[in-house]
């Protein structure tokens, strides 16, 4: 899977992908670091983050550490990575603001229905995204069932961008899909 993922990310970068968050919970630390090194090379000009593994933030040369609901609290992770690593958190409608302390950005969702949250979290739509952006000034990236045509709604709600997985890396043409998202975002300004 590593070679295929690296190839798909390289194609997406050619199409305009600006950032990548590596989340491979089933890999052991060594395999994770090896994959991170290959992806960091592909993302030379872009933003590269890792999910959940604070202890690997420096070894992976990550720009950011992203924390999910099973991760360390942001205040604890900040002690591990210090001030030089950007710290992000996953945020949902019922989470409350405490977990945002010490974070530099957040992802918020799901905006629309998505298979990974089916039966777990209800979609909040652009209205819920707007309420979250208004309630807390933390830079926010929207996620959950978003397509390029949703860019205007995300921007209007106050978010700084769109985070996707299947929409780019799950597409048969990752370069074309990354380009479509990038163009839609730029045109929504």
N, C-alpha and C. Protein backbone atom coordinates (compact mmCIF):
# COMPACT_ATOMS: atom_id res chain seq x y z
N UNK A 1 0.82 -1.20 0.00
CA UNK A 1 0.00 0.00 0.00
C UNK A 1 0.86 1.25 0.00
N UNK A 2 2.01 1.24 0.63
CA UNK A 2 2.84 2.43 0.73
C UNK A 2 3.22 3.01 -0.62
N UNK A 3 3.66 2.15 -1.55
CA UNK A 3 4.08 2.65 -2.87
C UNK A 3 2.89 3.24 -3.63
N UNK A 4 1.75 2.59 -3.53
CA UNK A 4 0.57 3.10 -4.22
C UNK A 4 0.13 4.44 -3.61
N UNK A 5 0.15 4.54 -2.29
CA UNK A 5 -0.22 5.80 -1.64
C UNK A 5 0.73 6.92 -2.03
N UNK A 6 2.02 6.65 -2.02
CA UNK A 6 3.01 7.67 -2.40
C UNK A 6 2.76 8.12 -3.84
N UNK A 7 2.49 7.18 -4.72
CA UNK A 7 2.22 7.51 -6.12
C UNK A 7 0.96 8.36 -6.26
N UNK A 8 -0.09 8.00 -5.55
CA UNK A 8 -1.35 8.76 -5.63
C UNK A 8 -1.18 10.17 -5.06
N UNK A 9 -0.43 10.28 -3.97
CA UNK A 9 -0.17 11.60 -3.39
C UNK A 9 0.65 12.44 -4.37
N UNK A 10 1.65 11.85 -5.00
CA UNK A 10 2.46 12.59 -5.98
C UNK A 10 1.59 13.11 -7.12
N UNK A 11 0.65 12.30 -7.58
CA UNK A 11 -0.28 12.76 -8.62
C UNK A 11 -1.14 13.91 -8.11
N UNK A 12 -1.64 13.78 -6.89
CA UNK A 12 -2.48 14.83 -6.31
C UNK A 12 -1.70 16.13 -6.14
N UNK A 13 -0.43 16.04 -5.78
CA UNK A 13 0.40 17.24 -5.65
C UNK A 13 0.53 17.93 -7.00
N UNK A 14 0.69 17.16 -8.06
CA UNK A 14 0.73 17.74 -9.40
C UNK A 14 -0.56 18.47 -9.73
N UNK A 15 -1.67 18.00 -9.17
CA UNK A 15 -2.96 18.64 -9.41
C UNK A 15 -3.25 19.82 -8.49
N UNK A 16 -2.36 20.07 -7.52
CA UNK A 16 -2.56 21.23 -6.65
C UNK A 16 -2.77 20.94 -5.18
N UNK A 17 -2.63 19.67 -4.76
CA UNK A 17 -2.76 19.34 -3.34
C UNK A 17 -1.74 20.14 -2.54
N UNK A 18 -2.20 20.82 -1.49
CA UNK A 18 -1.32 21.68 -0.70
C UNK A 18 -0.91 21.09 0.63
N UNK A 19 -1.62 20.08 1.09
CA UNK A 19 -1.30 19.53 2.39
C UNK A 19 -1.74 18.09 2.49
N UNK A 20 -1.08 17.35 3.40
CA UNK A 20 -1.38 15.95 3.60
C UNK A 20 -1.25 15.60 5.07
N UNK A 21 -2.22 14.89 5.58
CA UNK A 21 -2.19 14.38 6.95
C UNK A 21 -2.08 12.87 6.87
N UNK A 22 -0.98 12.32 7.37
CA UNK A 22 -0.76 10.88 7.36
C UNK A 22 -1.41 10.25 8.58
N UNK A 23 -2.36 9.35 8.30
CA UNK A 23 -3.05 8.64 9.37
C UNK A 23 -3.09 7.17 9.00
N UNK A 24 -2.18 6.42 9.53
CA UNK A 24 -2.10 4.98 9.27
C UNK A 24 -1.97 4.26 10.61
N UNK A 25 -3.07 4.10 11.36
CA UNK A 25 -2.99 3.57 12.72
C UNK A 25 -2.53 2.11 12.80
N UNK A 26 -2.61 1.37 11.73
CA UNK A 26 -2.23 -0.04 11.79
C UNK A 26 -0.74 -0.27 11.56
N UNK A 27 -0.02 0.76 11.13
CA UNK A 27 1.42 0.61 10.92
C UNK A 27 2.17 0.72 12.24
N UNK A 28 3.22 -0.09 12.40
CA UNK A 28 4.07 0.10 13.57
C UNK A 28 4.89 1.37 13.36
N UNK A 29 5.56 1.83 14.40
CA UNK A 29 6.26 3.11 14.33
C UNK A 29 7.32 3.16 13.23
N UNK A 30 8.08 2.10 13.06
CA UNK A 30 9.13 2.09 12.03
C UNK A 30 8.52 2.22 10.64
N UNK A 31 7.52 1.42 10.33
CA UNK A 31 6.87 1.49 9.03
C UNK A 31 6.22 2.85 8.82
N UNK A 32 5.64 3.39 9.87
CA UNK A 32 5.03 4.72 9.80
C UNK A 32 6.09 5.77 9.45
N UNK A 33 7.24 5.73 10.13
CA UNK A 33 8.31 6.69 9.85
C UNK A 33 8.85 6.54 8.44
N UNK A 34 8.98 5.33 7.97
CA UNK A 34 9.46 5.11 6.60
C UNK A 34 8.48 5.68 5.58
N UNK A 35 7.20 5.45 5.79
CA UNK A 35 6.19 6.01 4.90
C UNK A 35 6.17 7.53 5.01
N UNK A 36 6.27 8.05 6.22
CA UNK A 36 6.29 9.50 6.42
C UNK A 36 7.45 10.14 5.67
N UNK A 37 8.61 9.51 5.68
CA UNK A 37 9.77 10.05 4.99
C UNK A 37 9.51 10.15 3.48
N UNK A 38 8.91 9.12 2.93
CA UNK A 38 8.61 9.12 1.48
C UNK A 38 7.57 10.19 1.15
N UNK A 39 6.56 10.32 2.00
CA UNK A 39 5.51 11.31 1.74
C UNK A 39 6.03 12.73 1.96
N UNK A 40 6.88 12.92 2.94
CA UNK A 40 7.47 14.25 3.18
C UNK A 40 8.24 14.70 1.94
N UNK A 41 8.95 13.77 1.29
CA UNK A 41 9.66 14.09 0.05
C UNK A 41 8.69 14.54 -1.04
N UNK A 42 7.56 13.86 -1.14
CA UNK A 42 6.55 14.21 -2.15
C UNK A 42 5.93 15.57 -1.84
N UNK A 43 5.76 15.88 -0.56
CA UNK A 43 5.12 17.13 -0.15
C UNK A 43 6.16 18.23 0.12
N UNK A 44 7.24 18.27 -0.63
CA UNK A 44 8.33 19.22 -0.41
C UNK A 44 7.84 20.65 -0.20
N UNK A 45 6.97 21.09 -1.05
CA UNK A 45 6.48 22.47 -1.00
C UNK A 45 5.21 22.61 -0.18
N UNK A 46 4.63 21.51 0.23
CA UNK A 46 3.34 21.57 0.91
C UNK A 46 3.44 21.30 2.40
N UNK A 47 2.30 21.32 3.01
CA UNK A 47 2.14 21.09 4.44
C UNK A 47 2.04 19.59 4.67
N UNK A 48 2.75 19.09 5.68
CA UNK A 48 2.71 17.65 5.98
C UNK A 48 2.50 17.46 7.47
N UNK A 49 1.44 16.73 7.80
CA UNK A 49 1.14 16.46 9.20
C UNK A 49 0.99 14.97 9.44
N UNK A 50 1.11 14.60 10.71
CA UNK A 50 0.86 13.21 11.10
C UNK A 50 -0.27 13.19 12.12
N UNK A 51 -0.94 12.06 12.19
CA UNK A 51 -2.07 11.90 13.09
C UNK A 51 -1.67 11.10 14.32
N UNK A 52 -1.92 11.66 15.49
CA UNK A 52 -1.93 10.97 16.77
C UNK A 52 -0.57 10.61 17.38
N UNK A 53 0.49 10.54 16.64
CA UNK A 53 1.76 10.02 17.15
C UNK A 53 2.71 11.14 17.53
N UNK A 54 2.44 11.75 18.65
CA UNK A 54 3.26 12.88 19.12
C UNK A 54 4.73 12.50 19.21
N UNK A 55 5.01 11.29 19.62
CA UNK A 55 6.39 10.84 19.77
C UNK A 55 7.14 10.73 18.45
N UNK A 56 6.43 10.80 17.31
CA UNK A 56 7.07 10.70 16.00
C UNK A 56 7.06 12.03 15.25
N UNK A 57 6.59 13.08 15.87
CA UNK A 57 6.47 14.36 15.16
C UNK A 57 7.80 14.86 14.63
N UNK A 58 8.85 14.77 15.42
CA UNK A 58 10.15 15.27 14.97
C UNK A 58 10.82 14.30 14.01
N UNK A 59 10.75 13.01 14.30
CA UNK A 59 11.38 12.01 13.44
C UNK A 59 10.76 11.94 12.06
N UNK A 60 9.51 12.33 11.94
CA UNK A 60 8.83 12.31 10.65
C UNK A 60 8.96 13.64 9.90
N UNK A 61 9.59 14.61 10.53
CA UNK A 61 9.74 15.96 9.95
C UNK A 61 8.38 16.57 9.61
N UNK A 62 7.42 16.32 10.49
CA UNK A 62 6.06 16.83 10.27
C UNK A 62 5.99 18.31 10.60
N UNK A 63 5.16 19.00 9.83
CA UNK A 63 4.84 20.39 10.13
C UNK A 63 3.81 20.46 11.24
N UNK A 64 3.00 19.39 11.35
CA UNK A 64 1.89 19.41 12.29
C UNK A 64 1.63 18.04 12.88
N UNK A 65 1.03 18.07 14.05
CA UNK A 65 0.50 16.88 14.70
C UNK A 65 -0.99 17.10 14.85
N UNK A 66 -1.78 16.14 14.34
CA UNK A 66 -3.24 16.25 14.44
C UNK A 66 -3.74 15.23 15.45
N UNK A 67 -4.63 15.66 16.32
CA UNK A 67 -5.15 14.83 17.40
C UNK A 67 -6.62 14.50 17.18
N UNK A 68 -6.96 13.24 17.33
CA UNK A 68 -8.33 12.79 17.25
C UNK A 68 -8.91 12.60 18.64
N UNK A 69 -10.10 12.04 18.71
CA UNK A 69 -10.77 11.91 20.01
C UNK A 69 -10.11 10.86 20.91
N UNK A 70 -9.30 9.96 20.35
CA UNK A 70 -8.60 8.96 21.16
C UNK A 70 -7.17 9.40 21.50
N UNK A 71 -6.76 10.54 21.02
CA UNK A 71 -5.38 11.02 21.17
C UNK A 71 -5.15 11.67 22.52
N UNK A 72 -3.91 12.06 22.75
CA UNK A 72 -3.59 12.92 23.89
C UNK A 72 -4.42 14.19 23.81
N UNK A 73 -4.64 14.82 24.93
CA UNK A 73 -5.25 16.16 24.92
C UNK A 73 -4.24 17.13 24.30
N UNK A 74 -4.73 18.18 23.70
CA UNK A 74 -3.84 19.15 23.06
C UNK A 74 -2.84 19.73 24.05
N UNK A 75 -3.26 19.98 25.27
CA UNK A 75 -2.33 20.54 26.26
C UNK A 75 -1.20 19.57 26.57
N UNK A 76 -1.49 18.28 26.59
CA UNK A 76 -0.45 17.27 26.83
C UNK A 76 0.45 17.14 25.60
N UNK A 77 -0.14 17.11 24.42
CA UNK A 77 0.65 16.99 23.19
C UNK A 77 1.57 18.18 23.02
N UNK A 78 1.11 19.35 23.42
CA UNK A 78 1.94 20.56 23.30
C UNK A 78 3.21 20.41 24.11
N UNK A 79 3.13 19.76 25.26
CA UNK A 79 4.32 19.52 26.08
C UNK A 79 5.32 18.61 25.37
N UNK A 80 4.81 17.71 24.56
CA UNK A 80 5.68 16.78 23.83
C UNK A 80 6.33 17.45 22.63
N UNK A 81 5.54 18.17 21.83
CA UNK A 81 6.05 18.71 20.56
C UNK A 81 6.55 20.15 20.66
N UNK A 82 6.23 20.84 21.73
CA UNK A 82 6.67 22.22 21.88
C UNK A 82 5.92 23.17 20.96
N UNK A 83 6.48 24.35 20.83
CA UNK A 83 5.81 25.42 20.09
C UNK A 83 6.08 25.39 18.59
N UNK A 84 7.08 24.63 18.15
CA UNK A 84 7.47 24.67 16.74
C UNK A 84 6.64 23.77 15.83
N UNK A 85 5.87 22.86 16.39
CA UNK A 85 5.02 21.98 15.60
C UNK A 85 3.59 22.48 15.70
N UNK A 86 2.95 22.68 14.57
CA UNK A 86 1.55 23.09 14.55
C UNK A 86 0.70 21.96 15.12
N UNK A 87 -0.25 22.32 15.95
CA UNK A 87 -1.08 21.32 16.62
C UNK A 87 -2.53 21.50 16.21
N UNK A 88 -3.11 20.43 15.68
CA UNK A 88 -4.50 20.46 15.26
C UNK A 88 -5.33 19.44 16.01
N UNK A 89 -6.63 19.67 16.07
CA UNK A 89 -7.55 18.76 16.74
C UNK A 89 -8.78 18.51 15.87
N UNK A 90 -9.34 17.32 16.01
CA UNK A 90 -10.63 17.01 15.40
C UNK A 90 -11.71 17.56 16.31
N UNK A 91 -12.67 18.24 15.74
CA UNK A 91 -13.73 18.88 16.51
C UNK A 91 -15.09 18.50 15.93
N UNK A 92 -16.05 18.33 16.80
CA UNK A 92 -17.40 17.95 16.39
C UNK A 92 -18.41 18.80 17.15
N UNK A 93 -19.63 18.80 16.70
CA UNK A 93 -20.66 19.71 17.22
C UNK A 93 -20.83 19.65 18.73
N UNK A 94 -20.70 18.50 19.35
CA UNK A 94 -20.97 18.38 20.78
C UNK A 94 -19.72 18.33 21.64
N UNK A 95 -18.56 18.68 21.10
CA UNK A 95 -17.31 18.52 21.84
C UNK A 95 -17.05 19.58 22.90
N UNK A 96 -17.53 20.77 22.75
CA UNK A 96 -17.21 21.83 23.70
C UNK A 96 -15.81 22.38 23.44
N UNK A 97 -15.49 23.54 24.00
CA UNK A 97 -14.24 24.23 23.66
C UNK A 97 -12.99 23.77 24.41
N UNK A 98 -13.11 23.00 25.47
CA UNK A 98 -11.95 22.67 26.29
C UNK A 98 -10.84 21.95 25.53
N UNK A 99 -11.19 21.08 24.61
CA UNK A 99 -10.17 20.32 23.89
C UNK A 99 -9.43 21.16 22.85
N UNK A 100 -9.88 22.39 22.64
CA UNK A 100 -9.23 23.29 21.67
C UNK A 100 -8.07 24.08 22.29
N UNK A 101 -7.97 24.05 23.62
CA UNK A 101 -6.90 24.77 24.31
C UNK A 101 -5.55 24.24 23.84
N UNK A 102 -4.67 25.13 23.46
CA UNK A 102 -3.32 24.85 22.96
C UNK A 102 -3.29 24.38 21.52
N UNK A 103 -4.42 24.29 20.85
CA UNK A 103 -4.45 23.90 19.44
C UNK A 103 -4.25 25.13 18.54
N UNK A 104 -3.67 24.89 17.36
CA UNK A 104 -3.45 25.95 16.38
C UNK A 104 -4.51 25.97 15.29
N UNK A 105 -5.16 24.83 15.06
CA UNK A 105 -6.22 24.73 14.06
C UNK A 105 -7.10 23.55 14.44
N UNK A 106 -8.22 23.43 13.72
CA UNK A 106 -9.10 22.28 13.93
C UNK A 106 -9.71 21.85 12.60
N UNK A 107 -10.06 20.57 12.54
CA UNK A 107 -10.96 20.11 11.49
C UNK A 107 -12.32 19.98 12.15
N UNK A 108 -13.37 20.29 11.42
CA UNK A 108 -14.71 20.25 11.99
C UNK A 108 -15.64 19.52 11.03
N UNK A 109 -16.43 18.62 11.60
CA UNK A 109 -17.39 17.91 10.78
C UNK A 109 -18.06 16.80 11.57
N UNK A 110 -18.78 15.95 10.91
CA UNK A 110 -18.95 15.91 9.46
C UNK A 110 -19.95 16.96 8.99
N UNK A 111 -19.63 17.58 7.88
CA UNK A 111 -20.54 18.57 7.28
C UNK A 111 -21.69 17.83 6.60
N UNK A 112 -21.35 16.83 5.80
CA UNK A 112 -22.35 16.00 5.12
C UNK A 112 -22.13 14.55 5.54
N UNK A 113 -23.05 13.69 5.18
CA UNK A 113 -22.93 12.27 5.51
C UNK A 113 -21.67 11.68 4.89
N UNK A 114 -21.01 10.84 5.67
CA UNK A 114 -19.80 10.17 5.21
C UNK A 114 -19.77 8.78 5.82
N UNK A 115 -19.29 7.78 5.08
CA UNK A 115 -19.31 6.40 5.60
C UNK A 115 -18.58 6.23 6.93
N UNK A 116 -17.50 6.96 7.16
CA UNK A 116 -16.73 6.77 8.39
C UNK A 116 -17.46 7.28 9.64
N UNK A 117 -18.46 8.12 9.47
CA UNK A 117 -19.18 8.65 10.63
C UNK A 117 -20.64 8.18 10.68
N UNK A 118 -21.04 7.34 9.75
CA UNK A 118 -22.43 6.86 9.71
C UNK A 118 -22.78 6.17 11.02
N UNK A 119 -23.87 6.61 11.63
CA UNK A 119 -24.32 6.04 12.88
C UNK A 119 -23.54 6.49 14.10
N UNK A 120 -22.51 7.31 13.90
CA UNK A 120 -21.68 7.79 15.00
C UNK A 120 -21.91 9.28 15.24
N UNK A 121 -21.82 10.05 14.17
CA UNK A 121 -22.03 11.50 14.24
C UNK A 121 -22.96 11.94 13.13
N UNK A 122 -23.91 12.78 13.47
CA UNK A 122 -24.84 13.32 12.49
C UNK A 122 -24.19 14.48 11.74
N UNK A 123 -24.43 14.60 10.44
CA UNK A 123 -23.91 15.75 9.69
C UNK A 123 -24.49 17.06 10.23
N UNK A 124 -23.68 18.12 10.22
CA UNK A 124 -24.11 19.41 10.75
C UNK A 124 -24.43 20.42 9.66
N UNK A 125 -24.07 20.15 8.41
CA UNK A 125 -24.33 21.07 7.31
C UNK A 125 -23.52 22.35 7.44
N UNK A 126 -23.73 23.24 6.49
CA UNK A 126 -23.00 24.50 6.49
C UNK A 126 -23.43 25.40 7.64
N UNK A 127 -24.67 25.24 8.08
CA UNK A 127 -25.16 26.03 9.22
C UNK A 127 -24.38 25.66 10.49
N UNK A 128 -24.21 24.37 10.73
CA UNK A 128 -23.44 23.93 11.89
C UNK A 128 -21.98 24.34 11.79
N UNK A 129 -21.41 24.29 10.60
CA UNK A 129 -20.04 24.74 10.39
C UNK A 129 -19.92 26.23 10.69
N UNK A 130 -20.87 27.01 10.21
CA UNK A 130 -20.86 28.45 10.47
C UNK A 130 -20.96 28.76 11.95
N UNK A 131 -21.81 28.03 12.65
CA UNK A 131 -21.96 28.23 14.10
C UNK A 131 -20.65 27.91 14.82
N UNK A 132 -19.99 26.83 14.41
CA UNK A 132 -18.71 26.46 15.04
C UNK A 132 -17.65 27.51 14.76
N UNK A 133 -17.58 28.00 13.54
CA UNK A 133 -16.59 29.03 13.19
C UNK A 133 -16.85 30.33 13.96
N UNK A 134 -18.12 30.67 14.14
CA UNK A 134 -18.46 31.89 14.87
C UNK A 134 -18.20 31.75 16.37
N UNK A 135 -18.35 30.53 16.90
CA UNK A 135 -18.20 30.30 18.34
C UNK A 135 -16.76 30.30 18.81
N UNK A 136 -15.83 29.98 17.92
CA UNK A 136 -14.42 29.90 18.31
C UNK A 136 -13.55 30.35 17.15
N UNK A 137 -12.59 31.25 17.39
CA UNK A 137 -11.81 31.83 16.30
C UNK A 137 -10.71 30.93 15.73
N UNK A 138 -10.57 29.72 16.21
CA UNK A 138 -9.52 28.83 15.73
C UNK A 138 -9.68 28.57 14.23
N UNK A 139 -8.60 28.68 13.44
CA UNK A 139 -8.71 28.35 12.01
C UNK A 139 -9.30 26.95 11.84
N UNK A 140 -10.25 26.84 10.92
CA UNK A 140 -11.05 25.63 10.78
C UNK A 140 -11.03 25.12 9.35
N UNK A 141 -10.83 23.80 9.22
CA UNK A 141 -10.97 23.12 7.94
C UNK A 141 -12.16 22.20 8.06
N UNK A 142 -13.08 22.32 7.12
CA UNK A 142 -14.30 21.52 7.12
C UNK A 142 -14.02 20.15 6.51
N UNK A 143 -14.71 19.13 7.03
CA UNK A 143 -14.58 17.81 6.42
C UNK A 143 -15.86 17.02 6.57
N UNK A 144 -15.97 16.01 5.75
CA UNK A 144 -17.11 15.12 5.81
C UNK A 144 -18.01 15.24 4.60
N UNK A 145 -17.82 14.37 3.60
CA UNK A 145 -18.70 14.32 2.45
C UNK A 145 -18.65 15.54 1.55
N UNK A 146 -17.53 16.22 1.52
CA UNK A 146 -17.43 17.46 0.75
C UNK A 146 -16.86 17.22 -0.65
N UNK A 147 -17.49 17.86 -1.62
CA UNK A 147 -17.07 17.82 -3.02
C UNK A 147 -16.63 19.22 -3.44
N UNK A 148 -15.99 19.35 -4.59
CA UNK A 148 -15.56 20.70 -5.01
C UNK A 148 -16.68 21.73 -5.03
N UNK A 149 -17.88 21.32 -5.40
CA UNK A 149 -18.98 22.29 -5.47
C UNK A 149 -19.41 22.81 -4.10
N UNK A 150 -18.90 22.24 -3.04
CA UNK A 150 -19.21 22.72 -1.69
C UNK A 150 -18.27 23.83 -1.22
N UNK A 151 -17.28 24.18 -2.02
CA UNK A 151 -16.27 25.16 -1.60
C UNK A 151 -16.90 26.49 -1.17
N UNK A 152 -17.84 26.99 -1.93
CA UNK A 152 -18.45 28.28 -1.59
C UNK A 152 -19.17 28.21 -0.24
N UNK A 153 -19.90 27.14 0.02
CA UNK A 153 -20.59 26.99 1.29
C UNK A 153 -19.63 26.92 2.46
N UNK A 154 -18.51 26.23 2.27
CA UNK A 154 -17.50 26.13 3.32
C UNK A 154 -16.88 27.49 3.59
N UNK A 155 -16.53 28.20 2.53
CA UNK A 155 -15.91 29.53 2.69
C UNK A 155 -16.90 30.51 3.32
N UNK A 156 -18.15 30.49 2.87
CA UNK A 156 -19.17 31.39 3.41
C UNK A 156 -19.40 31.13 4.90
N UNK A 157 -19.29 29.87 5.32
CA UNK A 157 -19.47 29.52 6.73
C UNK A 157 -18.32 30.02 7.60
N UNK A 158 -17.21 30.40 6.99
CA UNK A 158 -16.09 30.96 7.75
C UNK A 158 -14.88 30.06 7.90
N UNK A 159 -14.89 28.90 7.25
CA UNK A 159 -13.75 27.98 7.35
C UNK A 159 -12.63 28.40 6.40
N UNK A 160 -11.42 27.98 6.72
CA UNK A 160 -10.25 28.33 5.93
C UNK A 160 -9.97 27.34 4.81
N UNK A 161 -10.66 26.22 4.79
CA UNK A 161 -10.41 25.24 3.74
C UNK A 161 -11.24 23.99 3.91
N UNK A 162 -10.98 23.06 3.00
CA UNK A 162 -11.68 21.78 2.94
C UNK A 162 -10.66 20.66 3.14
N UNK A 163 -10.98 19.72 4.00
CA UNK A 163 -10.16 18.53 4.21
C UNK A 163 -10.93 17.33 3.65
N UNK A 164 -10.27 16.54 2.80
CA UNK A 164 -10.93 15.38 2.19
C UNK A 164 -9.98 14.19 2.15
N UNK A 165 -10.54 13.03 2.02
CA UNK A 165 -9.76 11.81 1.82
C UNK A 165 -10.22 11.15 0.53
N UNK A 166 -11.41 10.58 0.57
CA UNK A 166 -11.93 9.87 -0.60
C UNK A 166 -12.05 10.78 -1.81
N UNK A 167 -12.32 12.06 -1.58
CA UNK A 167 -12.52 12.99 -2.68
C UNK A 167 -11.30 13.19 -3.56
N UNK A 168 -10.12 12.92 -3.03
CA UNK A 168 -8.89 13.05 -3.83
C UNK A 168 -8.18 11.70 -3.94
N UNK A 169 -7.75 11.14 -2.83
CA UNK A 169 -6.97 9.90 -2.89
C UNK A 169 -7.82 8.68 -3.24
N UNK A 170 -9.13 8.77 -3.05
CA UNK A 170 -10.02 7.69 -3.45
C UNK A 170 -10.53 7.81 -4.87
N UNK A 171 -10.18 8.89 -5.53
CA UNK A 171 -10.61 9.14 -6.90
C UNK A 171 -9.66 8.44 -7.88
N UNK A 172 -10.16 7.90 -8.98
CA UNK A 172 -9.27 7.28 -9.96
C UNK A 172 -8.24 8.25 -10.56
N UNK A 173 -8.55 9.54 -10.51
CA UNK A 173 -7.66 10.57 -11.04
C UNK A 173 -7.33 11.58 -9.93
N UNK A 174 -6.38 11.25 -9.03
CA UNK A 174 -6.10 12.15 -7.92
C UNK A 174 -5.60 13.53 -8.37
N UNK A 175 -4.88 13.61 -9.47
CA UNK A 175 -4.42 14.92 -9.96
C UNK A 175 -5.61 15.76 -10.40
N UNK A 176 -6.51 15.16 -11.16
CA UNK A 176 -7.69 15.88 -11.63
C UNK A 176 -8.61 16.30 -10.49
N UNK A 177 -8.79 15.42 -9.52
CA UNK A 177 -9.67 15.77 -8.40
C UNK A 177 -9.04 16.85 -7.52
N UNK A 178 -7.72 16.77 -7.27
CA UNK A 178 -7.05 17.82 -6.48
C UNK A 178 -7.18 19.15 -7.21
N UNK A 179 -7.02 19.13 -8.51
CA UNK A 179 -7.15 20.36 -9.30
C UNK A 179 -8.58 20.91 -9.20
N UNK A 180 -9.58 20.03 -9.24
CA UNK A 180 -10.97 20.47 -9.14
C UNK A 180 -11.25 21.13 -7.79
N UNK A 181 -10.76 20.55 -6.70
CA UNK A 181 -10.93 21.15 -5.37
C UNK A 181 -10.22 22.50 -5.29
N UNK A 182 -8.99 22.54 -5.77
CA UNK A 182 -8.20 23.77 -5.71
C UNK A 182 -8.86 24.89 -6.51
N UNK A 183 -9.30 24.57 -7.71
CA UNK A 183 -9.96 25.56 -8.57
C UNK A 183 -11.26 26.05 -7.94
N UNK A 184 -12.06 25.12 -7.43
CA UNK A 184 -13.33 25.49 -6.79
C UNK A 184 -13.09 26.39 -5.59
N UNK A 185 -12.06 26.10 -4.79
CA UNK A 185 -11.76 26.93 -3.64
C UNK A 185 -11.35 28.32 -4.07
N UNK A 186 -10.44 28.39 -5.02
CA UNK A 186 -9.95 29.69 -5.50
C UNK A 186 -11.10 30.53 -6.10
N UNK A 187 -11.97 29.88 -6.82
CA UNK A 187 -13.09 30.59 -7.47
C UNK A 187 -14.18 30.99 -6.46
N UNK A 188 -14.18 30.40 -5.28
CA UNK A 188 -15.22 30.73 -4.29
C UNK A 188 -14.88 32.00 -3.50
N UNK A 189 -13.70 32.55 -3.74
CA UNK A 189 -13.28 33.75 -2.98
C UNK A 189 -14.07 34.97 -3.36
